[in-house]
N, C-alpha and C. Protein backbone atom coordinates (compact mmCIF):
# COMPACT_ATOMS: atom_id res chain seq x y z
N MET A 1 -7.54 -25.32 70.12
CA MET A 1 -8.05 -25.11 71.45
C MET A 1 -8.29 -23.61 71.61
N GLU A 2 -9.44 -23.23 72.09
CA GLU A 2 -9.82 -21.83 72.30
C GLU A 2 -9.44 -21.41 73.71
N THR A 3 -8.72 -20.28 73.83
CA THR A 3 -8.30 -19.79 75.14
C THR A 3 -9.02 -18.51 75.52
N GLY A 4 -9.62 -17.82 74.54
CA GLY A 4 -10.25 -16.54 74.80
C GLY A 4 -9.25 -15.40 74.89
N LEU A 5 -7.97 -15.68 74.67
CA LEU A 5 -6.92 -14.66 74.78
C LEU A 5 -6.27 -14.35 73.44
N GLY A 6 -6.89 -14.65 72.37
CA GLY A 6 -6.29 -14.40 71.06
C GLY A 6 -6.59 -15.55 70.13
N PRO A 7 -5.77 -15.70 69.11
CA PRO A 7 -6.01 -16.78 68.15
C PRO A 7 -5.91 -18.14 68.82
N PRO A 8 -6.60 -19.11 68.26
CA PRO A 8 -6.58 -20.45 68.85
C PRO A 8 -5.18 -21.05 68.82
N ILE A 9 -4.87 -21.87 69.79
CA ILE A 9 -3.60 -22.59 69.84
C ILE A 9 -3.81 -23.90 69.10
N ILE A 10 -2.92 -24.16 68.18
CA ILE A 10 -3.01 -25.37 67.38
C ILE A 10 -1.94 -26.33 67.86
N ALA A 11 -2.34 -27.53 68.21
CA ALA A 11 -1.38 -28.54 68.67
C ALA A 11 -0.59 -29.04 67.48
N CYS A 12 0.72 -29.12 67.66
CA CYS A 12 1.60 -29.60 66.60
C CYS A 12 2.28 -30.87 67.04
N SER A 13 2.55 -31.74 66.09
CA SER A 13 3.29 -32.95 66.42
C SER A 13 4.77 -32.59 66.58
N PRO A 14 5.52 -33.39 67.31
CA PRO A 14 6.94 -33.10 67.51
C PRO A 14 7.68 -33.03 66.17
N VAL A 15 8.69 -32.17 66.10
CA VAL A 15 9.50 -32.02 64.89
C VAL A 15 10.36 -33.26 64.72
N LYS A 16 10.38 -33.79 63.51
CA LYS A 16 11.23 -34.93 63.22
C LYS A 16 12.69 -34.49 63.27
N GLU A 17 13.58 -35.43 63.53
CA GLU A 17 15.00 -35.12 63.60
C GLU A 17 15.46 -34.52 62.26
N LEU A 18 16.25 -33.46 62.34
CA LEU A 18 16.77 -32.82 61.14
C LEU A 18 17.84 -33.66 60.48
N MET A 19 17.80 -33.74 59.18
CA MET A 19 18.84 -34.42 58.42
C MET A 19 19.90 -33.41 57.98
N LEU A 20 19.56 -32.15 58.04
CA LEU A 20 20.43 -31.06 57.64
C LEU A 20 21.60 -30.93 58.61
N LYS A 21 22.79 -30.73 58.08
CA LYS A 21 23.96 -30.47 58.92
C LYS A 21 24.09 -28.96 59.09
N TYR A 22 24.26 -28.52 60.32
CA TYR A 22 24.46 -27.09 60.54
C TYR A 22 25.28 -26.85 61.78
N SER A 23 25.78 -25.63 61.89
CA SER A 23 26.61 -25.25 63.02
C SER A 23 26.32 -23.80 63.36
N GLN A 24 26.46 -23.44 64.63
CA GLN A 24 26.19 -22.08 65.07
C GLN A 24 27.48 -21.39 65.46
N GLY A 25 27.64 -20.15 65.05
CA GLY A 25 28.80 -19.35 65.40
C GLY A 25 28.37 -17.92 65.67
N SER A 26 29.33 -17.03 65.70
CA SER A 26 29.08 -15.62 65.95
C SER A 26 29.86 -14.77 64.95
N PHE A 27 29.39 -13.55 64.77
CA PHE A 27 30.12 -12.63 63.91
C PHE A 27 31.42 -12.23 64.59
N GLY A 28 32.49 -12.21 63.82
CA GLY A 28 33.78 -11.74 64.29
C GLY A 28 34.05 -10.36 63.72
N ARG A 29 35.18 -10.23 63.06
CA ARG A 29 35.56 -8.94 62.46
C ARG A 29 34.78 -8.71 61.16
N VAL A 30 34.70 -7.44 60.78
CA VAL A 30 34.06 -7.06 59.52
C VAL A 30 35.07 -6.24 58.72
N PHE A 31 35.25 -6.59 57.46
CA PHE A 31 36.21 -5.92 56.60
C PHE A 31 35.49 -5.25 55.44
N LEU A 32 35.82 -4.01 55.17
CA LEU A 32 35.30 -3.29 54.02
C LEU A 32 36.43 -3.20 53.00
N LEU A 33 36.16 -3.65 51.77
CA LEU A 33 37.18 -3.71 50.74
C LEU A 33 36.77 -2.89 49.53
N LYS A 34 37.73 -2.22 48.94
CA LYS A 34 37.51 -1.49 47.68
C LYS A 34 38.48 -2.06 46.65
N PHE A 35 37.91 -2.69 45.63
CA PHE A 35 38.71 -3.20 44.52
C PHE A 35 38.66 -2.17 43.40
N GLU A 36 39.79 -1.97 42.75
CA GLU A 36 39.86 -0.96 41.70
C GLU A 36 40.03 -1.61 40.34
N ASP A 37 39.86 -0.79 39.31
CA ASP A 37 39.94 -1.23 37.92
C ASP A 37 41.16 -2.12 37.69
N GLN A 38 40.94 -3.26 37.07
CA GLN A 38 41.94 -4.26 36.69
C GLN A 38 42.34 -5.21 37.83
N ASP A 39 41.85 -4.99 39.06
CA ASP A 39 42.14 -5.95 40.14
C ASP A 39 41.52 -7.29 39.81
N ASN A 40 42.18 -8.38 40.23
CA ASN A 40 41.61 -9.71 40.09
C ASN A 40 40.81 -9.99 41.36
N LEU A 41 39.50 -9.95 41.26
CA LEU A 41 38.60 -10.03 42.40
C LEU A 41 38.85 -11.28 43.27
N LEU A 42 38.82 -12.45 42.67
CA LEU A 42 38.96 -13.69 43.44
C LEU A 42 40.34 -13.79 44.10
N GLU A 43 41.38 -13.43 43.38
CA GLU A 43 42.73 -13.52 43.94
C GLU A 43 42.91 -12.53 45.09
N GLU A 44 42.39 -11.32 44.94
CA GLU A 44 42.53 -10.31 46.00
C GLU A 44 41.72 -10.70 47.24
N LEU A 45 40.54 -11.29 47.04
CA LEU A 45 39.77 -11.79 48.19
C LEU A 45 40.57 -12.84 48.96
N LYS A 46 41.22 -13.74 48.22
CA LYS A 46 42.04 -14.77 48.87
C LYS A 46 43.20 -14.15 49.64
N LYS A 47 43.84 -13.14 49.05
CA LYS A 47 44.97 -12.49 49.72
C LYS A 47 44.54 -11.86 51.04
N VAL A 48 43.37 -11.22 51.06
CA VAL A 48 42.86 -10.63 52.30
C VAL A 48 42.60 -11.72 53.33
N ALA A 49 42.00 -12.82 52.90
CA ALA A 49 41.72 -13.93 53.81
C ALA A 49 43.00 -14.47 54.43
N VAL A 50 44.06 -14.59 53.64
CA VAL A 50 45.33 -15.09 54.14
C VAL A 50 45.95 -14.08 55.10
N LYS A 51 46.03 -12.83 54.67
CA LYS A 51 46.66 -11.78 55.50
C LYS A 51 45.96 -11.63 56.84
N GLU A 52 44.63 -11.67 56.83
CA GLU A 52 43.85 -11.43 58.05
C GLU A 52 43.49 -12.72 58.80
N LYS A 53 43.96 -13.85 58.24
CA LYS A 53 43.72 -15.16 58.88
C LYS A 53 42.22 -15.45 59.08
N ILE A 54 41.44 -15.13 58.07
CA ILE A 54 39.99 -15.41 58.10
C ILE A 54 39.80 -16.86 57.70
N LYS A 55 39.17 -17.65 58.56
CA LYS A 55 38.95 -19.07 58.28
C LYS A 55 37.55 -19.35 57.75
N VAL A 56 36.55 -18.60 58.25
CA VAL A 56 35.16 -18.77 57.84
C VAL A 56 34.55 -17.38 57.71
N GLY A 57 33.80 -17.15 56.64
CA GLY A 57 33.16 -15.86 56.49
C GLY A 57 32.18 -15.81 55.35
N THR A 58 31.50 -14.68 55.26
CA THR A 58 30.60 -14.41 54.14
C THR A 58 31.11 -13.18 53.40
N ILE A 59 30.74 -13.08 52.13
CA ILE A 59 31.16 -11.98 51.27
C ILE A 59 29.94 -11.41 50.59
N MET A 60 29.80 -10.09 50.66
CA MET A 60 28.78 -9.38 49.88
C MET A 60 29.52 -8.37 49.02
N LEU A 61 29.07 -8.20 47.77
CA LEU A 61 29.77 -7.23 46.92
C LEU A 61 28.85 -6.67 45.85
N LEU A 62 29.26 -5.50 45.35
CA LEU A 62 28.60 -4.89 44.21
C LEU A 62 29.59 -4.01 43.48
N GLY A 63 29.34 -3.83 42.18
CA GLY A 63 30.23 -2.99 41.40
C GLY A 63 30.23 -3.41 39.94
N GLY A 64 31.41 -3.32 39.33
CA GLY A 64 31.55 -3.63 37.91
C GLY A 64 32.62 -4.66 37.66
N MET A 65 32.36 -5.54 36.71
CA MET A 65 33.33 -6.55 36.30
C MET A 65 33.68 -6.33 34.84
N ARG A 66 34.97 -6.27 34.56
CA ARG A 66 35.46 -6.15 33.19
C ARG A 66 35.32 -7.49 32.47
N SER A 67 35.66 -8.57 33.21
CA SER A 67 35.58 -9.90 32.61
C SER A 67 35.50 -10.94 33.72
N ALA A 68 35.01 -12.12 33.37
CA ALA A 68 34.98 -13.25 34.29
C ALA A 68 34.51 -14.50 33.55
N GLY A 69 34.84 -15.64 34.15
CA GLY A 69 34.30 -16.92 33.72
C GLY A 69 33.29 -17.36 34.77
N VAL A 70 32.06 -17.62 34.33
CA VAL A 70 30.96 -17.87 35.25
C VAL A 70 30.29 -19.20 34.89
N VAL A 71 30.07 -20.03 35.91
CA VAL A 71 29.31 -21.27 35.70
C VAL A 71 27.84 -20.94 35.93
N THR A 72 27.01 -21.15 34.91
CA THR A 72 25.60 -20.78 34.98
C THR A 72 24.67 -21.98 35.20
N GLY A 73 25.26 -23.10 35.58
CA GLY A 73 24.46 -24.28 35.88
C GLY A 73 25.06 -25.51 35.26
N PRO A 74 24.51 -26.67 35.59
CA PRO A 74 24.97 -27.90 34.94
C PRO A 74 24.22 -28.11 33.62
N ARG A 75 24.85 -28.83 32.70
CA ARG A 75 24.16 -29.15 31.45
C ARG A 75 22.94 -30.03 31.74
N GLU A 76 23.08 -30.93 32.70
CA GLU A 76 21.98 -31.77 33.17
C GLU A 76 22.13 -31.92 34.67
N ALA A 77 21.04 -32.21 35.36
CA ALA A 77 21.08 -32.39 36.82
C ALA A 77 21.55 -33.79 37.16
N VAL A 78 22.86 -34.04 36.93
CA VAL A 78 23.47 -35.32 37.23
C VAL A 78 24.70 -35.08 38.11
N ILE A 79 25.14 -36.14 38.79
CA ILE A 79 26.34 -36.06 39.62
C ILE A 79 27.37 -37.03 39.05
N PRO A 80 28.58 -36.57 38.76
CA PRO A 80 29.07 -35.21 38.93
C PRO A 80 28.53 -34.30 37.82
N PRO A 81 28.41 -33.01 38.11
CA PRO A 81 27.87 -32.07 37.12
C PRO A 81 28.86 -31.76 36.00
N ASP A 82 28.32 -31.45 34.85
CA ASP A 82 29.08 -30.96 33.70
C ASP A 82 28.73 -29.47 33.59
N PRO A 83 29.62 -28.57 34.03
CA PRO A 83 29.26 -27.15 34.12
C PRO A 83 29.11 -26.47 32.75
N MET A 84 28.17 -25.53 32.70
CA MET A 84 28.00 -24.66 31.53
C MET A 84 28.71 -23.35 31.85
N TRP A 85 29.67 -22.98 31.01
CA TRP A 85 30.46 -21.76 31.23
C TRP A 85 29.98 -20.62 30.35
N ILE A 86 29.95 -19.44 30.94
CA ILE A 86 29.75 -18.19 30.21
C ILE A 86 30.97 -17.34 30.52
N ASN A 87 31.62 -16.84 29.49
CA ASN A 87 32.75 -15.93 29.66
C ASN A 87 32.37 -14.59 29.05
N PHE A 88 32.72 -13.52 29.73
CA PHE A 88 32.45 -12.19 29.17
C PHE A 88 33.68 -11.31 29.37
N ASN A 89 33.80 -10.29 28.52
CA ASN A 89 34.90 -9.33 28.65
C ASN A 89 34.47 -7.95 28.15
N ASP A 90 33.20 -7.61 28.40
CA ASP A 90 32.65 -6.37 27.87
C ASP A 90 32.18 -5.39 28.95
N GLY A 91 32.54 -5.63 30.20
CA GLY A 91 32.15 -4.73 31.28
C GLY A 91 30.69 -4.91 31.65
N ARG A 92 30.43 -5.36 32.88
CA ARG A 92 29.06 -5.64 33.34
C ARG A 92 28.92 -5.25 34.80
N GLU A 93 27.70 -5.04 35.22
CA GLU A 93 27.39 -4.77 36.63
C GLU A 93 27.33 -6.10 37.36
N VAL A 94 27.70 -6.09 38.65
CA VAL A 94 27.69 -7.33 39.43
C VAL A 94 27.12 -7.06 40.82
N LEU A 95 26.34 -8.01 41.28
CA LEU A 95 25.83 -8.04 42.65
C LEU A 95 26.05 -9.46 43.12
N GLY A 96 26.83 -9.64 44.21
CA GLY A 96 27.20 -11.00 44.56
C GLY A 96 27.17 -11.29 46.04
N PHE A 97 27.11 -12.59 46.33
CA PHE A 97 27.17 -13.08 47.70
C PHE A 97 27.97 -14.37 47.67
N GLY A 98 28.82 -14.55 48.69
CA GLY A 98 29.63 -15.75 48.70
C GLY A 98 30.03 -16.18 50.09
N THR A 99 30.76 -17.29 50.12
CA THR A 99 31.29 -17.81 51.38
C THR A 99 32.79 -17.97 51.24
N LEU A 100 33.44 -18.00 52.39
CA LEU A 100 34.88 -18.18 52.46
C LEU A 100 35.16 -19.24 53.52
N PHE A 101 35.85 -20.28 53.12
CA PHE A 101 36.28 -21.34 54.02
C PHE A 101 37.72 -21.68 53.69
N ARG A 102 38.29 -22.62 54.40
CA ARG A 102 39.66 -23.08 54.12
C ARG A 102 39.62 -24.53 53.68
N LYS A 103 40.52 -24.83 52.77
CA LYS A 103 40.84 -26.22 52.41
C LYS A 103 42.31 -26.37 52.75
N GLY A 104 42.58 -26.98 53.90
CA GLY A 104 43.94 -26.94 54.44
C GLY A 104 44.23 -25.51 54.85
N ASP A 105 45.34 -24.97 54.37
CA ASP A 105 45.70 -23.58 54.67
C ASP A 105 45.20 -22.61 53.61
N GLU A 106 44.65 -23.13 52.53
CA GLU A 106 44.26 -22.30 51.38
C GLU A 106 42.82 -21.82 51.49
N PRO A 107 42.58 -20.49 51.34
CA PRO A 107 41.20 -20.01 51.34
C PRO A 107 40.48 -20.45 50.06
N VAL A 108 39.21 -20.83 50.22
CA VAL A 108 38.37 -21.21 49.08
C VAL A 108 37.18 -20.26 49.06
N ILE A 109 37.04 -19.55 47.96
CA ILE A 109 35.94 -18.59 47.77
C ILE A 109 34.86 -19.25 46.92
N HIS A 110 33.62 -19.21 47.38
CA HIS A 110 32.47 -19.68 46.61
C HIS A 110 31.57 -18.47 46.43
N LEU A 111 31.62 -17.87 45.25
CA LEU A 111 30.98 -16.58 45.00
C LEU A 111 29.96 -16.68 43.87
N HIS A 112 28.70 -16.41 44.20
CA HIS A 112 27.65 -16.36 43.18
C HIS A 112 27.26 -14.91 42.94
N GLY A 113 26.87 -14.62 41.71
CA GLY A 113 26.50 -13.26 41.42
C GLY A 113 25.51 -13.16 40.28
N ALA A 114 24.83 -12.02 40.26
CA ALA A 114 24.01 -11.63 39.10
C ALA A 114 24.86 -10.62 38.35
N ILE A 115 25.10 -10.91 37.09
CA ILE A 115 26.03 -10.11 36.28
C ILE A 115 25.28 -9.67 35.04
N GLY A 116 25.11 -8.34 34.89
CA GLY A 116 24.27 -7.87 33.80
C GLY A 116 24.84 -6.74 32.99
N ARG A 117 24.31 -6.61 31.78
CA ARG A 117 24.63 -5.53 30.85
C ARG A 117 23.40 -5.34 29.97
N GLU A 118 22.89 -4.13 29.93
CA GLU A 118 21.66 -3.82 29.21
C GLU A 118 20.54 -4.75 29.67
N LYS A 119 19.95 -5.51 28.74
CA LYS A 119 18.82 -6.38 29.10
C LYS A 119 19.24 -7.82 29.38
N GLU A 120 20.54 -8.09 29.36
CA GLU A 120 21.04 -9.45 29.53
C GLU A 120 21.66 -9.60 30.92
N THR A 121 21.19 -10.57 31.69
CA THR A 121 21.74 -10.85 33.01
C THR A 121 22.00 -12.34 33.16
N TYR A 122 23.19 -12.65 33.64
CA TYR A 122 23.55 -14.02 33.98
C TYR A 122 23.59 -14.14 35.49
N THR A 123 23.21 -15.29 36.00
CA THR A 123 23.37 -15.59 37.41
C THR A 123 24.15 -16.88 37.50
N GLY A 124 25.20 -16.85 38.33
CA GLY A 124 25.99 -18.06 38.45
C GLY A 124 27.16 -17.90 39.38
N CYS A 125 28.04 -18.88 39.32
CA CYS A 125 29.22 -18.96 40.19
C CYS A 125 30.41 -18.33 39.46
N ILE A 126 30.95 -17.27 40.03
CA ILE A 126 32.10 -16.57 39.44
C ILE A 126 33.34 -17.38 39.80
N ARG A 127 33.98 -17.98 38.78
CA ARG A 127 35.04 -18.96 39.04
C ARG A 127 36.43 -18.54 38.60
N LYS A 128 36.55 -17.73 37.53
CA LYS A 128 37.89 -17.45 37.01
C LYS A 128 37.91 -16.12 36.26
N ASP A 129 39.13 -15.66 36.01
CA ASP A 129 39.37 -14.45 35.21
C ASP A 129 38.50 -13.28 35.67
N SER A 130 38.39 -13.09 36.98
CA SER A 130 37.46 -12.10 37.56
C SER A 130 38.14 -10.73 37.69
N VAL A 131 38.11 -9.98 36.61
CA VAL A 131 38.79 -8.69 36.56
C VAL A 131 37.77 -7.56 36.78
N VAL A 132 38.10 -6.69 37.73
CA VAL A 132 37.22 -5.57 38.11
C VAL A 132 37.22 -4.50 37.02
N TYR A 133 36.05 -3.93 36.80
CA TYR A 133 35.89 -2.75 35.95
C TYR A 133 35.49 -1.58 36.85
N LEU A 134 36.25 -0.55 36.87
CA LEU A 134 36.06 0.66 37.69
C LEU A 134 36.20 0.37 39.19
N VAL A 135 35.18 -0.25 39.79
CA VAL A 135 35.22 -0.48 41.23
C VAL A 135 34.29 -1.63 41.63
N VAL A 136 34.72 -2.38 42.62
CA VAL A 136 33.85 -3.32 43.33
C VAL A 136 34.01 -3.02 44.81
N GLU A 137 32.90 -2.85 45.49
CA GLU A 137 32.90 -2.65 46.94
C GLU A 137 32.43 -3.96 47.56
N ALA A 138 33.15 -4.39 48.59
CA ALA A 138 32.82 -5.68 49.20
C ALA A 138 32.90 -5.58 50.72
N VAL A 139 32.13 -6.46 51.37
CA VAL A 139 32.18 -6.60 52.82
C VAL A 139 32.41 -8.08 53.11
N ILE A 140 33.45 -8.35 53.89
CA ILE A 140 33.69 -9.71 54.39
C ILE A 140 33.31 -9.70 55.86
N THR A 141 32.41 -10.58 56.24
CA THR A 141 32.03 -10.75 57.64
C THR A 141 32.58 -12.08 58.12
N GLU A 142 33.50 -12.00 59.07
CA GLU A 142 34.10 -13.20 59.63
C GLU A 142 33.10 -13.90 60.55
N ILE A 143 33.09 -15.22 60.52
CA ILE A 143 32.26 -16.01 61.43
C ILE A 143 33.21 -16.82 62.30
N VAL A 144 33.05 -16.70 63.62
CA VAL A 144 33.93 -17.39 64.56
C VAL A 144 33.13 -18.43 65.33
N GLY A 145 33.83 -19.43 65.85
CA GLY A 145 33.18 -20.45 66.66
C GLY A 145 32.58 -21.59 65.85
N ILE A 146 32.93 -21.68 64.58
CA ILE A 146 32.43 -22.75 63.71
C ILE A 146 33.62 -23.55 63.20
N ASP A 147 33.54 -24.85 63.30
CA ASP A 147 34.56 -25.73 62.75
C ASP A 147 34.05 -26.20 61.39
N ALA A 148 34.44 -25.47 60.35
CA ALA A 148 33.99 -25.79 58.99
C ALA A 148 35.17 -25.67 58.04
N ARG A 149 35.11 -26.42 56.97
CA ARG A 149 36.19 -26.40 56.00
C ARG A 149 35.67 -26.89 54.66
N LYS A 150 36.47 -26.74 53.63
CA LYS A 150 36.17 -27.33 52.33
C LYS A 150 37.03 -28.58 52.17
N ALA A 151 36.44 -29.62 51.60
CA ALA A 151 37.16 -30.87 51.37
C ALA A 151 36.56 -31.55 50.14
N LEU A 152 37.35 -32.41 49.52
CA LEU A 152 36.87 -33.15 48.36
C LEU A 152 35.79 -34.12 48.79
N ASP A 153 34.62 -34.01 48.16
CA ASP A 153 33.50 -34.91 48.41
C ASP A 153 33.57 -36.04 47.39
N GLU A 154 33.74 -37.26 47.87
CA GLU A 154 33.90 -38.40 46.96
C GLU A 154 32.67 -38.66 46.11
N LYS A 155 31.48 -38.41 46.66
CA LYS A 155 30.23 -38.67 45.93
C LYS A 155 30.10 -37.78 44.69
N THR A 156 30.41 -36.48 44.87
CA THR A 156 30.23 -35.53 43.76
C THR A 156 31.51 -35.26 42.97
N GLY A 157 32.66 -35.54 43.60
CA GLY A 157 33.93 -35.20 42.94
C GLY A 157 34.25 -33.73 43.04
N LEU A 158 33.50 -33.00 43.90
CA LEU A 158 33.69 -31.56 44.04
C LEU A 158 34.24 -31.22 45.42
N VAL A 159 34.85 -30.06 45.53
CA VAL A 159 35.27 -29.55 46.83
C VAL A 159 34.03 -28.93 47.46
N MET A 160 33.60 -29.50 48.60
CA MET A 160 32.34 -29.10 49.22
C MET A 160 32.56 -28.73 50.69
N LEU A 161 31.56 -28.06 51.25
CA LEU A 161 31.57 -27.69 52.66
C LEU A 161 31.47 -28.93 53.54
N GLU A 162 32.31 -28.95 54.55
CA GLU A 162 32.30 -30.05 55.52
C GLU A 162 32.14 -29.46 56.91
N LEU A 163 31.13 -29.94 57.63
CA LEU A 163 30.89 -29.48 59.01
C LEU A 163 31.20 -30.60 59.98
């Protein structure tokens, strides 16, 4: 339809009901963390979450990793997945983003990162043996007003987000 006041207005059909589950919250506290050489990244993140009573949040980080066990994808796109593991212990750069939720009283960290050295870069889920090399700087942003948790999903056999 032409209005003479700018670009034409295009009529759109109503949006179909969303199948996606989502929830709205607000930013709460913000924490700046400095991890030092030999710190266990995942364990220290959990300790901060427990001490500060963070129930829901996001994590951004960058720095160096001495070693870690990383899941780089499933062997095949089937449920439940059979993870492909990459382990390294040679010092690499890391850039990561993750989420923090609770499963009962226990914090659950889901952290993905790009981890590189020279021309080789892995992208995946940092799951174990996450030892810092030199320094990792991280920001945890708490999200308040959301009722979310991690729970065992019977379909996948994995601990998944529940809203």
